[in-house]
């Protein structure tokens, strides 16, 4: 059902073309090898083991077809999966919860983002990371204001300062000011590149 739904989504967009579908990891890797698609959309769990095939497919693709982006779909908020997906680099990678498939625009945006080398992390995953670390009384996160936490979540979705400003109805200058404050409080150097910003946020949240 998931494959059929994504196939219909692709068909509904003139700028997207379906290269093929696969039902298990070996079939997926063979498809990537023969078709060299711009983007792979994969479930995190599939045959033969039903564990972390999507993460392994992304790692294999990074090594063998570095130009191919990967969007991993999961029903699990567990941040460890997102961190594993990005540990070899965040460029051209996205981690979305399956419920986002119901939102055609969200999934299509993620596909386009990774096709251009961007990164997208589901905001619910970011929220869970922030919540767990805040409960652990992490000094950096505890010092962030509600607005800074909002911007942190937007930042981890791979959005630029201008995109964050539009989403939160504030000025880009205000976003820059908050972003500088966030990185200062988290003890991170200011990152201009969107992918590096995503990676910095996730690395901080996963290791502290």
C-alpha atoms as a PDB file:
ATOM      1  CA  UNK A   1       0.000   0.000   0.000  1.00  0.00           C
ATOM      2  CA  UNK A   2       2.847   2.364   0.819  1.00  0.00           C
ATOM      3  CA  UNK A   3       4.550   1.696  -2.522  1.00  0.00           C
ATOM      4  CA  UNK A   4       1.290   2.229  -4.381  1.00  0.00           C
ATOM      5  CA  UNK A   5       0.639   5.475  -2.528  1.00  0.00           C
ATOM      6  CA  UNK A   6       4.080   6.865  -3.308  1.00  0.00           C
ATOM      7  CA  UNK A   7       3.776   5.745  -6.921  1.00  0.00           C
ATOM      8  CA  UNK A   8       0.535   7.691  -7.248  1.00  0.00           C
ATOM      9  CA  UNK A   9       2.162  10.707  -5.628  1.00  0.00           C
ATOM     10  CA  UNK A  10       4.996  10.621  -8.146  1.00  0.00           C
ATOM     11  CA  UNK A  11       2.560  10.318 -11.039  1.00  0.00           C
ATOM     12  CA  UNK A  12       0.668  13.356  -9.760  1.00  0.00           C
ATOM     13  CA  UNK A  13       3.693  15.646 -10.097  1.00  0.00           C
ATOM     14  CA  UNK A  14       4.976  16.645 -13.504  1.00  0.00           C
ATOM     15  CA  UNK A  15       8.532  17.125 -12.221  1.00  0.00           C
ATOM     16  CA  UNK A  16       8.740  13.618 -10.718  1.00  0.00           C
ATOM     17  CA  UNK A  17       9.182  10.355 -12.627  1.00  0.00           C
ATOM     18  CA  UNK A  18       8.952   6.846 -11.189  1.00  0.00           C
ATOM     19  CA  UNK A  19      12.046   4.776 -12.057  1.00  0.00           C
ATOM     20  CA  UNK A  20      10.778   1.559 -10.452  1.00  0.00           C
ATOM     21  CA  UNK A  21       9.624  -0.150  -7.255  1.00  0.00           C
ATOM     22  CA  UNK A  22      11.168  -2.829  -5.037  1.00  0.00           C
ATOM     23  CA  UNK A  23       9.743  -5.128  -2.360  1.00  0.00           C
ATOM     24  CA  UNK A  24      12.899  -6.010  -0.401  1.00  0.00           C
ATOM     25  CA  UNK A  25      16.469  -4.856   0.192  1.00  0.00           C
ATOM     26  CA  UNK A  26      18.242  -6.971  -2.486  1.00  0.00           C
ATOM     27  CA  UNK A  27      15.689  -5.881  -5.082  1.00  0.00           C
ATOM     28  CA  UNK A  28      16.090  -2.254  -4.026  1.00  0.00           C
ATOM     29  CA  UNK A  29      19.883  -2.313  -4.278  1.00  0.00           C
ATOM     30  CA  UNK A  30      19.654  -3.964  -7.703  1.00  0.00           C
ATOM     31  CA  UNK A  31      17.191  -1.289  -8.833  1.00  0.00           C
ATOM     32  CA  UNK A  32      19.464   1.503  -7.636  1.00  0.00           C
ATOM     33  CA  UNK A  33      22.397  -0.097  -9.415  1.00  0.00           C
ATOM     34  CA  UNK A  34      20.603  -0.446 -12.735  1.00  0.00           C
ATOM     35  CA  UNK A  35      18.461   2.703 -12.768  1.00  0.00           C
ATOM     36  CA  UNK A  36      20.732   5.158 -10.869  1.00  0.00           C
ATOM     37  CA  UNK A  37      17.726   7.245  -9.727  1.00  0.00           C
ATOM     38  CA  UNK A  38      18.019  10.805  -8.454  1.00  0.00           C
ATOM     39  CA  UNK A  39      16.132   9.873  -5.267  1.00  0.00           C
ATOM     40  CA  UNK A  40      15.195   6.666  -3.455  1.00  0.00           C
ATOM     41  CA  UNK A  41      12.146   6.627  -1.169  1.00  0.00           C
ATOM     42  CA  UNK A  42      12.399   3.635   1.158  1.00  0.00           C
ATOM     43  CA  UNK A  43      10.716   2.159   4.197  1.00  0.00           C
ATOM     44  CA  UNK A  44      13.051   1.859   7.166  1.00  0.00           C
ATOM     45  CA  UNK A  45      12.013  -1.780   7.654  1.00  0.00           C
ATOM     46  CA  UNK A  46      11.507  -4.276   4.836  1.00  0.00           C
ATOM     47  CA  UNK A  47      12.329  -7.905   3.994  1.00  0.00           C
ATOM     48  CA  UNK A  48      14.408  -9.907   4.530  1.00  0.00           C
ATOM     49  CA  UNK A  49      14.853  -9.070   8.246  1.00  0.00           C
ATOM     50  CA  UNK A  50      12.379  -6.235   8.835  1.00  0.00           C
ATOM     51  CA  UNK A  51      14.836  -4.271  10.980  1.00  0.00           C
ATOM     52  CA  UNK A  52      16.884  -1.409   9.528  1.00  0.00           C
ATOM     53  CA  UNK A  53      17.074  -2.178   5.799  1.00  0.00           C
ATOM     54  CA  UNK A  54      16.311   1.440   4.896  1.00  0.00           C
ATOM     55  CA  UNK A  55      19.302   2.713   6.863  1.00  0.00           C
ATOM     56  CA  UNK A  56      21.538   0.052   5.325  1.00  0.00           C
ATOM     57  CA  UNK A  57      20.267   0.904   1.857  1.00  0.00           C
ATOM     58  CA  UNK A  58      21.120   4.560   2.462  1.00  0.00           C
ATOM     59  CA  UNK A  59      24.641   3.642   3.617  1.00  0.00           C
ATOM     60  CA  UNK A  60      25.163   1.375   0.576  1.00  0.00           C
ATOM     61  CA  UNK A  61      23.883   4.098  -1.721  1.00  0.00           C
ATOM     62  CA  UNK A  62      26.213   6.671  -0.157  1.00  0.00           C
ATOM     63  CA  UNK A  63      29.181   4.431  -0.959  1.00  0.00           C
ATOM     64  CA  UNK A  64      28.145   3.115  -4.368  1.00  0.00           C
ATOM     65  CA  UNK A  65      25.927   5.875  -5.810  1.00  0.00           C
ATOM     66  CA  UNK A  66      26.813   9.075  -3.931  1.00  0.00           C
ATOM     67  CA  UNK A  67      24.731  11.206  -6.277  1.00  0.00           C
ATOM     68  CA  UNK A  68      21.487   9.471  -5.304  1.00  0.00           C
ATOM     69  CA  UNK A  69      19.427  11.023  -2.514  1.00  0.00           C
ATOM     70  CA  UNK A  70      17.514   8.886   0.001  1.00  0.00           C
ATOM     71  CA  UNK A  71      14.241   9.597   1.785  1.00  0.00           C
ATOM     72  CA  UNK A  72      13.650   7.120   4.627  1.00  0.00           C
ATOM     73  CA  UNK A  73      10.073   6.644   5.831  1.00  0.00           C
ATOM     74  CA  UNK A  74       9.459   5.283   9.317  1.00  0.00           C
ATOM     75  CA  UNK A  75       6.633   4.846  11.789  1.00  0.00           C
ATOM     76  CA  UNK A  76       9.154   5.283  14.595  1.00  0.00           C
ATOM     77  CA  UNK A  77       9.963   8.652  16.144  1.00  0.00           C
ATOM     78  CA  UNK A  78      13.145   7.096  17.651  1.00  0.00           C
ATOM     79  CA  UNK A  79      15.877   9.714  17.008  1.00  0.00           C
ATOM     80  CA  UNK A  80      18.587   7.033  16.872  1.00  0.00           C
ATOM     81  CA  UNK A  81      17.419   6.037  13.396  1.00  0.00           C
ATOM     82  CA  UNK A  82      17.712   9.609  12.120  1.00  0.00           C
ATOM     83  CA  UNK A  83      21.173   9.973  13.629  1.00  0.00           C
ATOM     84  CA  UNK A  84      22.264   6.653  12.048  1.00  0.00           C
ATOM     85  CA  UNK A  85      20.978   7.849   8.682  1.00  0.00           C
ATOM     86  CA  UNK A  86      23.038  11.032   8.861  1.00  0.00           C
ATOM     87  CA  UNK A  87      26.213   9.822  10.548  1.00  0.00           C
ATOM     88  CA  UNK A  88      28.032   9.550   7.202  1.00  0.00           C
ATOM     89  CA  UNK A  89      26.749  12.936   6.081  1.00  0.00           C
ATOM     90  CA  UNK A  90      23.426  14.730   5.921  1.00  0.00           C
ATOM     91  CA  UNK A  91      23.521  15.941   2.302  1.00  0.00           C
ATOM     92  CA  UNK A  92      20.820  14.302   0.200  1.00  0.00           C
ATOM     93  CA  UNK A  93      19.136  12.543   3.117  1.00  0.00           C
ATOM     94  CA  UNK A  94      15.673  12.833   4.662  1.00  0.00           C
ATOM     95  CA  UNK A  95      13.943  11.063   7.550  1.00  0.00           C
ATOM     96  CA  UNK A  96      10.151  11.347   7.623  1.00  0.00           C
ATOM     97  CA  UNK A  97       7.441   9.644   9.625  1.00  0.00           C
ATOM     98  CA  UNK A  98       5.041   7.596   7.517  1.00  0.00           C
ATOM     99  CA  UNK A  99       2.113   9.758   8.533  1.00  0.00           C
ATOM    100  CA  UNK A 100       3.714  12.484   6.400  1.00  0.00           C
ATOM    101  CA  UNK A 101       2.926  10.393   3.327  1.00  0.00           C
ATOM    102  CA  UNK A 102      -0.652  11.556   3.833  1.00  0.00           C
ATOM    103  CA  UNK A 103       0.630  15.061   3.199  1.00  0.00           C
ATOM    104  CA  UNK A 104       1.535  15.052  -0.468  1.00  0.00           C
ATOM    105  CA  UNK A 105       3.281  18.396  -0.222  1.00  0.00           C
ATOM    106  CA  UNK A 106       5.540  17.280   2.664  1.00  0.00           C
ATOM    107  CA  UNK A 107       6.789  14.162   0.905  1.00  0.00           C
ATOM    108  CA  UNK A 108       7.190  15.897  -2.446  1.00  0.00           C
ATOM    109  CA  UNK A 109       9.145  18.684  -0.731  1.00  0.00           C
ATOM    110  CA  UNK A 110      11.460  16.122   0.870  1.00  0.00           C
ATOM    111  CA  UNK A 111      12.024  14.367  -2.467  1.00  0.00           C
ATOM    112  CA  UNK A 112      12.908  17.641  -4.155  1.00  0.00           C
ATOM    113  CA  UNK A 113      15.139  18.682  -1.245  1.00  0.00           C
ATOM    114  CA  UNK A 114      17.280  15.542  -1.271  1.00  0.00           C
ATOM    115  CA  UNK A 115      17.411  15.601  -5.075  1.00  0.00           C
ATOM    116  CA  UNK A 116      19.194  18.943  -4.781  1.00  0.00           C
ATOM    117  CA  UNK A 117      21.482  17.711  -2.003  1.00  0.00           C
ATOM    118  CA  UNK A 118      19.470  19.057   0.926  1.00  0.00           C
ATOM    119  CA  UNK A 119      18.408  17.467   4.217  1.00  0.00           C
ATOM    120  CA  UNK A 120      15.032  17.076   5.901  1.00  0.00           C
ATOM    121  CA  UNK A 121      14.332  15.673   9.359  1.00  0.00           C
ATOM    122  CA  UNK A 122      10.762  15.191  10.545  1.00  0.00           C
ATOM    123  CA  UNK A 123       9.911  17.869  13.129  1.00  0.00           C
ATOM    124  CA  UNK A 124       8.392  15.252  15.451  1.00  0.00           C
ATOM    125  CA  UNK A 125      11.780  13.520  15.629  1.00  0.00           C
ATOM    126  CA  UNK A 126      13.462  16.821  16.444  1.00  0.00           C
ATOM    127  CA  UNK A 127      10.813  17.531  19.085  1.00  0.00           C
ATOM    128  CA  UNK A 128      11.473  14.151  20.703  1.00  0.00           C
ATOM    129  CA  UNK A 129      15.219  14.811  20.784  1.00  0.00           C
ATOM    130  CA  UNK A 130      14.720  18.241  22.312  1.00  0.00           C
ATOM    131  CA  UNK A 131      12.193  16.947  24.840  1.00  0.00           C
ATOM    132  CA  UNK A 132      14.378  14.055  26.006  1.00  0.00           C
ATOM    133  CA  UNK A 133      17.459  16.224  26.335  1.00  0.00           C
ATOM    134  CA  UNK A 134      15.559  18.980  28.113  1.00  0.00           C
ATOM    135  CA  UNK A 135      14.232  16.446  30.608  1.00  0.00           C
ATOM    136  CA  UNK A 136      17.832  15.375  31.193  1.00  0.00           C
ATOM    137  CA  UNK A 137      18.486  18.985  32.200  1.00  0.00           C
ATOM    138  CA  UNK A 138      21.000  19.599  29.474  1.00  0.00           C
ATOM    139  CA  UNK A 139      22.252  23.120  30.247  1.00  0.00           C
ATOM    140  CA  UNK A 140      22.426  24.263  26.622  1.00  0.00           C
ATOM    141  CA  UNK A 141      18.882  23.304  25.684  1.00  0.00           C
ATOM    142  CA  UNK A 142      17.477  24.478  28.994  1.00  0.00           C
ATOM    143  CA  UNK A 143      18.790  27.945  28.227  1.00  0.00           C
ATOM    144  CA  UNK A 144      16.982  28.199  24.897  1.00  0.00           C
ATOM    145  CA  UNK A 145      13.891  30.380  24.725  1.00  0.00           C
ATOM    146  CA  UNK A 146      10.610  29.013  23.297  1.00  0.00           C
ATOM    147  CA  UNK A 147      11.254  30.938  20.077  1.00  0.00           C
ATOM    148  CA  UNK A 148      14.794  29.548  19.835  1.00  0.00           C
ATOM    149  CA  UNK A 149      13.437  26.010  20.268  1.00  0.00           C
ATOM    150  CA  UNK A 150      11.000  26.674  17.422  1.00  0.00           C
ATOM    151  CA  UNK A 151      13.822  27.879  15.206  1.00  0.00           C
ATOM    152  CA  UNK A 152      15.989  24.898  16.197  1.00  0.00           C
ATOM    153  CA  UNK A 153      13.237  22.532  15.037  1.00  0.00           C
ATOM    154  CA  UNK A 154      12.847  24.422  11.757  1.00  0.00           C
ATOM    155  CA  UNK A 155      16.612  24.452  11.266  1.00  0.00           C
ATOM    156  CA  UNK A 156      16.817  20.683  11.681  1.00  0.00           C
ATOM    157  CA  UNK A 157      14.311  20.302   8.850  1.00  0.00           C
ATOM    158  CA  UNK A 158      16.933  21.732   6.545  1.00  0.00           C
ATOM    159  CA  UNK A 159      15.378  25.154   6.127  1.00  0.00           C
ATOM    160  CA  UNK A 160      17.370  28.273   5.327  1.00  0.00           C
ATOM    161  CA  UNK A 161      17.013  31.424   7.410  1.00  0.00           C
ATOM    162  CA  UNK A 162      14.668  32.924   4.825  1.00  0.00           C
ATOM    163  CA  UNK A 163      12.480  29.799   4.816  1.00  0.00           C
ATOM    164  CA  UNK A 164      12.386  29.782   8.629  1.00  0.00           C
ATOM    165  CA  UNK A 165      11.405  33.456   8.628  1.00  0.00           C
ATOM    166  CA  UNK A 166       8.515  32.707   6.272  1.00  0.00           C
ATOM    167  CA  UNK A 167       7.325  29.709   8.314  1.00  0.00           C
ATOM    168  CA  UNK A 168       7.373  31.577  11.629  1.00  0.00           C
ATOM    169  CA  UNK A 169       6.214  34.956  10.286  1.00  0.00           C
ATOM    170  CA  UNK A 170       9.285  36.843  11.486  1.00  0.00           C
ATOM    171  CA  UNK A 171      12.020  38.776   9.705  1.00  0.00           C
ATOM    172  CA  UNK A 172      15.092  37.048   8.350  1.00  0.00           C
ATOM    173  CA  UNK A 173      17.218  39.352  10.499  1.00  0.00           C
ATOM    174  CA  UNK A 174      15.371  38.106  13.575  1.00  0.00           C
ATOM    175  CA  UNK A 175      16.053  34.504  12.552  1.00  0.00           C
ATOM    176  CA  UNK A 176      19.759  35.274  12.117  1.00  0.00           C
ATOM    177  CA  UNK A 177      19.861  36.791  15.582  1.00  0.00           C
ATOM    178  CA  UNK A 178      18.125  33.785  17.154  1.00  0.00           C
ATOM    179  CA  UNK A 179      20.308  31.357  15.193  1.00  0.00           C
ATOM    180  CA  UNK A 180      23.480  33.020  16.432  1.00  0.00           C
ATOM    181  CA  UNK A 181      22.142  32.806  19.970  1.00  0.00           C
ATOM    182  CA  UNK A 182      21.253  29.120  19.563  1.00  0.00           C
ATOM    183  CA  UNK A 183      24.702  28.143  18.337  1.00  0.00           C
ATOM    184  CA  UNK A 184      26.348  30.215  21.066  1.00  0.00           C
ATOM    185  CA  UNK A 185      24.267  28.558  23.802  1.00  0.00           C
ATOM    186  CA  UNK A 186      24.924  25.076  22.390  1.00  0.00           C
ATOM    187  CA  UNK A 187      28.633  25.767  22.101  1.00  0.00           C
ATOM    188  CA  UNK A 188      28.650  25.289  18.322  1.00  0.00           C
ATOM    189  CA  UNK A 189      30.235  27.433  15.672  1.00  0.00           C
ATOM    190  CA  UNK A 190      27.783  29.246  13.411  1.00  0.00           C
ATOM    191  CA  UNK A 191      27.060  27.142  10.310  1.00  0.00           C
ATOM    192  CA  UNK A 192      26.062  28.830   7.070  1.00  0.00           C
ATOM    193  CA  UNK A 193      25.579  25.683   5.020  1.00  0.00           C
ATOM    194  CA  UNK A 194      22.111  24.171   5.503  1.00  0.00           C
ATOM    195  CA  UNK A 195      23.335  20.553   5.599  1.00  0.00           C
ATOM    196  CA  UNK A 196      26.019  21.380   8.135  1.00  0.00           C
ATOM    197  CA  UNK A 197      23.421  23.127  10.284  1.00  0.00           C
ATOM    198  CA  UNK A 198      21.198  20.046  10.283  1.00  0.00           C
ATOM    199  CA  UNK A 199      24.114  17.771  11.129  1.00  0.00           C
ATOM    200  CA  UNK A 200      25.331  20.088  13.894  1.00  0.00           C
ATOM    201  CA  UNK A 201      21.910  20.139  15.524  1.00  0.00           C
ATOM    202  CA  UNK A 202      21.456  16.359  15.385  1.00  0.00           C
ATOM    203  CA  UNK A 203      24.979  15.584  16.509  1.00  0.00           C
ATOM    204  CA  UNK A 204      24.561  17.899  19.486  1.00  0.00           C
ATOM    205  CA  UNK A 205      21.192  16.440  20.449  1.00  0.00           C
ATOM    206  CA  UNK A 206      22.332  12.833  20.053  1.00  0.00           C
ATOM    207  CA  UNK A 207      25.621  13.120  21.919  1.00  0.00           C
ATOM    208  CA  UNK A 208      24.817  15.449  24.803  1.00  0.00           C
END
